């Protein structure tokens, strides 16, 4: 892992460099293949207030870079907070890799289909159609069909009325009957 430390408008003393290197070395525990880390420490002064900003750019192999920017009044606090945020980001990346690479889609399909006969499964899924002969040839009264429907427990009945129209008498959800 390449480490680059840069100070803008601030001199990086040995103590600051040692603190930065120690913080950056702690990022290796996540096993996310870090290529390089660039740390830029800059002094800011706005409206008479002094502050320090720390920017960590972490380049990962095969993934997007992680960029953390932190502004604080104290330099060491800014470094610690930026490092903690970088640890959270790398932890999330590590967890995603760990969870998603264990099981492949083909492996899941193979486990799901283990011990299943495909021809037998297709036959079991097919709906069984039972032919029923309709008695549409003779006209019926609505009252007669209603009595048959109540006694048989069917949900509907198709019939020809006295005017030779095809009609449907059906049981509604509220317990009453409807007629088409």
C-alpha atoms as a PDB file:
ATOM      1  CA  UNK A   1       0.000   0.000   0.000  1.00  0.00           C
ATOM      2  CA  UNK A   2       1.371   3.387  -1.030  1.00  0.00           C
ATOM      3  CA  UNK A   3       0.878   6.220   1.449  1.00  0.00           C
ATOM      4  CA  UNK A   4       1.171   9.858   0.454  1.00  0.00           C
ATOM      5  CA  UNK A   5       1.049  12.639   3.068  1.00  0.00           C
ATOM      6  CA  UNK A   6       0.662  16.256   1.923  1.00  0.00           C
ATOM      7  CA  UNK A   7       0.428  19.430   3.990  1.00  0.00           C
ATOM      8  CA  UNK A   8      -1.126  22.586   2.525  1.00  0.00           C
ATOM      9  CA  UNK A   9      -0.472  25.802   4.419  1.00  0.00           C
ATOM     10  CA  UNK A  10       0.681  23.664   7.327  1.00  0.00           C
ATOM     11  CA  UNK A  11       3.950  21.928   8.130  1.00  0.00           C
ATOM     12  CA  UNK A  12       3.620  18.199   8.849  1.00  0.00           C
ATOM     13  CA  UNK A  13       5.819  17.486  11.852  1.00  0.00           C
ATOM     14  CA  UNK A  14       7.099  14.020  12.689  1.00  0.00           C
ATOM     15  CA  UNK A  15       4.402  13.627  15.358  1.00  0.00           C
ATOM     16  CA  UNK A  16       1.632  14.471  12.866  1.00  0.00           C
ATOM     17  CA  UNK A  17       3.122  12.112  10.247  1.00  0.00           C
ATOM     18  CA  UNK A  18       3.403   9.329  12.822  1.00  0.00           C
ATOM     19  CA  UNK A  19      -0.241   9.836  13.907  1.00  0.00           C
ATOM     20  CA  UNK A  20      -1.427   9.833  10.276  1.00  0.00           C
ATOM     21  CA  UNK A  21       0.589   6.707   9.395  1.00  0.00           C
ATOM     22  CA  UNK A  22      -0.718   4.883  12.468  1.00  0.00           C
ATOM     23  CA  UNK A  23      -4.289   5.785  11.564  1.00  0.00           C
ATOM     24  CA  UNK A  24      -3.843   4.735   7.938  1.00  0.00           C
ATOM     25  CA  UNK A  25      -2.204   1.430   8.943  1.00  0.00           C
ATOM     26  CA  UNK A  26      -5.288   0.592  10.991  1.00  0.00           C
ATOM     27  CA  UNK A  27      -7.310   0.495   7.742  1.00  0.00           C
ATOM     28  CA  UNK A  28      -5.538  -2.685   6.579  1.00  0.00           C
ATOM     29  CA  UNK A  29      -7.562  -4.935   8.879  1.00  0.00           C
ATOM     30  CA  UNK A  30     -10.583  -4.930   6.521  1.00  0.00           C
ATOM     31  CA  UNK A  31      -8.897  -6.953   3.729  1.00  0.00           C
ATOM     32  CA  UNK A  32     -10.341  -4.847   0.897  1.00  0.00           C
ATOM     33  CA  UNK A  33      -7.114  -4.673  -1.134  1.00  0.00           C
ATOM     34  CA  UNK A  34      -6.108  -1.042  -0.628  1.00  0.00           C
ATOM     35  CA  UNK A  35      -3.781   0.167  -3.379  1.00  0.00           C
ATOM     36  CA  UNK A  36      -2.946   3.612  -2.051  1.00  0.00           C
ATOM     37  CA  UNK A  37      -3.986   6.216   0.491  1.00  0.00           C
ATOM     38  CA  UNK A  38      -3.504   9.939  -0.086  1.00  0.00           C
ATOM     39  CA  UNK A  39      -3.838  12.165   2.980  1.00  0.00           C
ATOM     40  CA  UNK A  40      -4.051  15.924   2.461  1.00  0.00           C
ATOM     41  CA  UNK A  41      -3.953  18.108   5.570  1.00  0.00           C
ATOM     42  CA  UNK A  42      -4.712  21.778   5.016  1.00  0.00           C
ATOM     43  CA  UNK A  43      -5.066  24.797   7.281  1.00  0.00           C
ATOM     44  CA  UNK A  44      -8.145  26.965   6.824  1.00  0.00           C
ATOM     45  CA  UNK A  45      -8.840  30.440   8.114  1.00  0.00           C
ATOM     46  CA  UNK A  46     -12.236  31.960   7.481  1.00  0.00           C
ATOM     47  CA  UNK A  47     -13.549  35.096   9.151  1.00  0.00           C
ATOM     48  CA  UNK A  48     -10.803  34.989  11.727  1.00  0.00           C
ATOM     49  CA  UNK A  49     -11.504  31.361  12.728  1.00  0.00           C
ATOM     50  CA  UNK A  50      -8.718  28.841  12.416  1.00  0.00           C
ATOM     51  CA  UNK A  51      -9.511  25.285  11.342  1.00  0.00           C
ATOM     52  CA  UNK A  52      -7.944  22.222   9.825  1.00  0.00           C
ATOM     53  CA  UNK A  53      -9.327  19.914   7.136  1.00  0.00           C
ATOM     54  CA  UNK A  54      -8.198  16.368   6.480  1.00  0.00           C
ATOM     55  CA  UNK A  55      -8.976  14.622   3.197  1.00  0.00           C
ATOM     56  CA  UNK A  56      -8.342  10.885   2.857  1.00  0.00           C
ATOM     57  CA  UNK A  57      -8.520   9.335  -0.625  1.00  0.00           C
ATOM     58  CA  UNK A  58      -8.409   5.544  -0.452  1.00  0.00           C
ATOM     59  CA  UNK A  59      -7.922   3.764  -3.796  1.00  0.00           C
ATOM     60  CA  UNK A  60      -9.227   0.192  -3.838  1.00  0.00           C
ATOM     61  CA  UNK A  61      -8.441  -2.515  -6.378  1.00  0.00           C
ATOM     62  CA  UNK A  62     -11.384  -3.092  -8.714  1.00  0.00           C
ATOM     63  CA  UNK A  63     -13.699  -0.696  -6.893  1.00  0.00           C
ATOM     64  CA  UNK A  64     -14.442   2.992  -6.607  1.00  0.00           C
ATOM     65  CA  UNK A  65     -12.219   5.155  -4.440  1.00  0.00           C
ATOM     66  CA  UNK A  66     -13.354   6.160  -0.963  1.00  0.00           C
ATOM     67  CA  UNK A  67     -12.993   9.867  -0.244  1.00  0.00           C
ATOM     68  CA  UNK A  68     -13.386  11.228   3.280  1.00  0.00           C
ATOM     69  CA  UNK A  69     -13.285  14.955   4.077  1.00  0.00           C
ATOM     70  CA  UNK A  70     -13.300  16.186   7.658  1.00  0.00           C
ATOM     71  CA  UNK A  71     -13.114  19.762   9.022  1.00  0.00           C
ATOM     72  CA  UNK A  72     -12.300  20.411  12.680  1.00  0.00           C
ATOM     73  CA  UNK A  73     -10.582  22.967  14.863  1.00  0.00           C
ATOM     74  CA  UNK A  74      -8.101  20.411  16.238  1.00  0.00           C
ATOM     75  CA  UNK A  75      -5.797  18.574  13.811  1.00  0.00           C
ATOM     76  CA  UNK A  76      -5.616  15.309  15.762  1.00  0.00           C
ATOM     77  CA  UNK A  77      -9.405  15.222  16.228  1.00  0.00           C
ATOM     78  CA  UNK A  78      -9.871  15.737  12.482  1.00  0.00           C
ATOM     79  CA  UNK A  79      -7.495  12.847  11.727  1.00  0.00           C
ATOM     80  CA  UNK A  80      -9.240  10.536  14.213  1.00  0.00           C
ATOM     81  CA  UNK A  81     -12.750  11.345  12.968  1.00  0.00           C
ATOM     82  CA  UNK A  82     -11.722  10.944   9.305  1.00  0.00           C
ATOM     83  CA  UNK A  83     -10.106   7.599  10.124  1.00  0.00           C
ATOM     84  CA  UNK A  84     -13.234   6.390  11.935  1.00  0.00           C
ATOM     85  CA  UNK A  85     -15.396   7.358   8.949  1.00  0.00           C
ATOM     86  CA  UNK A  86     -12.993   5.556   6.599  1.00  0.00           C
ATOM     87  CA  UNK A  87     -13.178   2.445   8.802  1.00  0.00           C
ATOM     88  CA  UNK A  88     -16.980   2.462   8.578  1.00  0.00           C
ATOM     89  CA  UNK A  89     -16.870   2.792   4.787  1.00  0.00           C
ATOM     90  CA  UNK A  90     -14.293   0.011   4.396  1.00  0.00           C
ATOM     91  CA  UNK A  91     -16.240  -2.177   6.815  1.00  0.00           C
ATOM     92  CA  UNK A  92     -19.367  -1.825   4.649  1.00  0.00           C
ATOM     93  CA  UNK A  93     -17.385  -2.697   1.513  1.00  0.00           C
ATOM     94  CA  UNK A  94     -15.830  -5.697   3.274  1.00  0.00           C
ATOM     95  CA  UNK A  95     -19.244  -6.944   4.457  1.00  0.00           C
ATOM     96  CA  UNK A  96     -20.724  -6.627   0.961  1.00  0.00           C
ATOM     97  CA  UNK A  97     -17.869  -8.638  -0.524  1.00  0.00           C
ATOM     98  CA  UNK A  98     -18.060 -11.283   2.167  1.00  0.00           C
ATOM     99  CA  UNK A  99     -21.840 -11.726   1.957  1.00  0.00           C
ATOM    100  CA  UNK A 100     -22.235 -11.655  -1.812  1.00  0.00           C
ATOM    101  CA  UNK A 101     -19.315 -13.801  -2.908  1.00  0.00           C
ATOM    102  CA  UNK A 102     -20.119 -16.839  -0.811  1.00  0.00           C
ATOM    103  CA  UNK A 103     -23.031 -18.141  -2.856  1.00  0.00           C
ATOM    104  CA  UNK A 104     -23.383 -17.859  -6.619  1.00  0.00           C
ATOM    105  CA  UNK A 105     -26.659 -17.921  -8.499  1.00  0.00           C
ATOM    106  CA  UNK A 106     -25.842 -21.196 -10.251  1.00  0.00           C
ATOM    107  CA  UNK A 107     -25.022 -22.816  -6.938  1.00  0.00           C
ATOM    108  CA  UNK A 108     -28.354 -21.701  -5.476  1.00  0.00           C
ATOM    109  CA  UNK A 109     -30.221 -23.061  -8.517  1.00  0.00           C
ATOM    110  CA  UNK A 110     -28.393 -26.370  -8.270  1.00  0.00           C
ATOM    111  CA  UNK A 111     -29.225 -26.709  -4.568  1.00  0.00           C
ATOM    112  CA  UNK A 112     -32.866 -25.805  -5.159  1.00  0.00           C
ATOM    113  CA  UNK A 113     -33.219 -28.349  -7.955  1.00  0.00           C
ATOM    114  CA  UNK A 114     -31.328 -31.142  -6.195  1.00  0.00           C
ATOM    115  CA  UNK A 115     -33.435 -34.302  -6.079  1.00  0.00           C
ATOM    116  CA  UNK A 116     -36.259 -32.905  -8.230  1.00  0.00           C
ATOM    117  CA  UNK A 117     -37.267 -34.696 -11.420  1.00  0.00           C
ATOM    118  CA  UNK A 118     -38.041 -31.942 -13.940  1.00  0.00           C
ATOM    119  CA  UNK A 119     -40.518 -34.008 -15.990  1.00  0.00           C
ATOM    120  CA  UNK A 120     -42.394 -34.988 -12.853  1.00  0.00           C
ATOM    121  CA  UNK A 121     -42.454 -31.359 -11.668  1.00  0.00           C
ATOM    122  CA  UNK A 122     -43.868 -30.176 -15.006  1.00  0.00           C
ATOM    123  CA  UNK A 123     -46.603 -32.803 -14.870  1.00  0.00           C
ATOM    124  CA  UNK A 124     -47.471 -31.842 -11.286  1.00  0.00           C
ATOM    125  CA  UNK A 125     -47.735 -28.150 -12.191  1.00  0.00           C
ATOM    126  CA  UNK A 126     -50.128 -28.692 -15.085  1.00  0.00           C
ATOM    127  CA  UNK A 127     -53.758 -28.007 -14.279  1.00  0.00           C
ATOM    128  CA  UNK A 128     -55.968 -30.982 -14.617  1.00  0.00           C
ATOM    129  CA  UNK A 129     -58.914 -30.221 -16.873  1.00  0.00           C
ATOM    130  CA  UNK A 130     -62.006 -32.307 -16.352  1.00  0.00           C
ATOM    131  CA  UNK A 131     -64.560 -32.056 -19.157  1.00  0.00           C
ATOM    132  CA  UNK A 132     -68.089 -31.318 -17.990  1.00  0.00           C
ATOM    133  CA  UNK A 133     -71.091 -31.658 -20.222  1.00  0.00           C
ATOM    134  CA  UNK A 134     -73.310 -28.592 -20.053  1.00  0.00           C
ATOM    135  CA  UNK A 135     -77.071 -28.840 -20.311  1.00  0.00           C
ATOM    136  CA  UNK A 136     -77.534 -25.714 -22.366  1.00  0.00           C
ATOM    137  CA  UNK A 137     -79.910 -27.240 -24.855  1.00  0.00           C
ATOM    138  CA  UNK A 138     -83.111 -26.868 -22.838  1.00  0.00           C
ATOM    139  CA  UNK A 139     -84.318 -23.521 -21.459  1.00  0.00           C
ATOM    140  CA  UNK A 140     -84.610 -23.126 -17.672  1.00  0.00           C
ATOM    141  CA  UNK A 141     -86.300 -20.710 -15.350  1.00  0.00           C
ATOM    142  CA  UNK A 142     -84.112 -18.504 -13.100  1.00  0.00           C
ATOM    143  CA  UNK A 143     -85.885 -19.776  -9.975  1.00  0.00           C
ATOM    144  CA  UNK A 144     -85.185 -23.397 -10.965  1.00  0.00           C
ATOM    145  CA  UNK A 145     -81.469 -22.655 -11.514  1.00  0.00           C
ATOM    146  CA  UNK A 146     -81.356 -20.733  -8.215  1.00  0.00           C
ATOM    147  CA  UNK A 147     -82.669 -23.762  -6.280  1.00  0.00           C
ATOM    148  CA  UNK A 148     -80.145 -26.053  -8.018  1.00  0.00           C
ATOM    149  CA  UNK A 149     -77.321 -23.620  -7.213  1.00  0.00           C
ATOM    150  CA  UNK A 150     -78.296 -23.448  -3.521  1.00  0.00           C
ATOM    151  CA  UNK A 151     -78.480 -27.246  -3.190  1.00  0.00           C
ATOM    152  CA  UNK A 152     -75.330 -28.112  -5.145  1.00  0.00           C
ATOM    153  CA  UNK A 153     -72.946 -25.682  -3.440  1.00  0.00           C
ATOM    154  CA  UNK A 154     -71.519 -24.530  -6.807  1.00  0.00           C
ATOM    155  CA  UNK A 155     -70.364 -20.944  -7.229  1.00  0.00           C
ATOM    156  CA  UNK A 156     -72.163 -20.357 -10.565  1.00  0.00           C
ATOM    157  CA  UNK A 157     -74.334 -21.991 -13.197  1.00  0.00           C
ATOM    158  CA  UNK A 158     -74.649 -21.280 -16.925  1.00  0.00           C
ATOM    159  CA  UNK A 159     -78.034 -21.821 -18.604  1.00  0.00           C
ATOM    160  CA  UNK A 160     -80.363 -20.734 -21.393  1.00  0.00           C
ATOM    161  CA  UNK A 161     -83.384 -18.729 -20.290  1.00  0.00           C
ATOM    162  CA  UNK A 162     -86.828 -18.816 -21.926  1.00  0.00           C
ATOM    163  CA  UNK A 163     -85.721 -16.170 -24.482  1.00  0.00           C
ATOM    164  CA  UNK A 164     -82.763 -18.406 -25.591  1.00  0.00           C
ATOM    165  CA  UNK A 165     -80.201 -16.052 -24.047  1.00  0.00           C
ATOM    166  CA  UNK A 166     -77.167 -17.561 -22.325  1.00  0.00           C
ATOM    167  CA  UNK A 167     -77.258 -16.467 -18.690  1.00  0.00           C
ATOM    168  CA  UNK A 168     -74.984 -16.913 -15.662  1.00  0.00           C
ATOM    169  CA  UNK A 169     -76.311 -17.102 -12.120  1.00  0.00           C
ATOM    170  CA  UNK A 170     -73.537 -16.725  -9.521  1.00  0.00           C
ATOM    171  CA  UNK A 171     -73.071 -16.534  -5.771  1.00  0.00           C
ATOM    172  CA  UNK A 172     -71.715 -13.163  -4.579  1.00  0.00           C
ATOM    173  CA  UNK A 173     -69.287 -12.619  -1.707  1.00  0.00           C
ATOM    174  CA  UNK A 174     -72.028 -11.152   0.484  1.00  0.00           C
ATOM    175  CA  UNK A 175     -74.115 -14.379   0.219  1.00  0.00           C
ATOM    176  CA  UNK A 176     -76.629 -13.020  -2.286  1.00  0.00           C
ATOM    177  CA  UNK A 177     -76.875 -14.079  -5.947  1.00  0.00           C
ATOM    178  CA  UNK A 178     -76.156 -12.196  -9.153  1.00  0.00           C
ATOM    179  CA  UNK A 179     -77.423 -12.756 -12.705  1.00  0.00           C
ATOM    180  CA  UNK A 180     -75.752 -11.932 -15.988  1.00  0.00           C
END
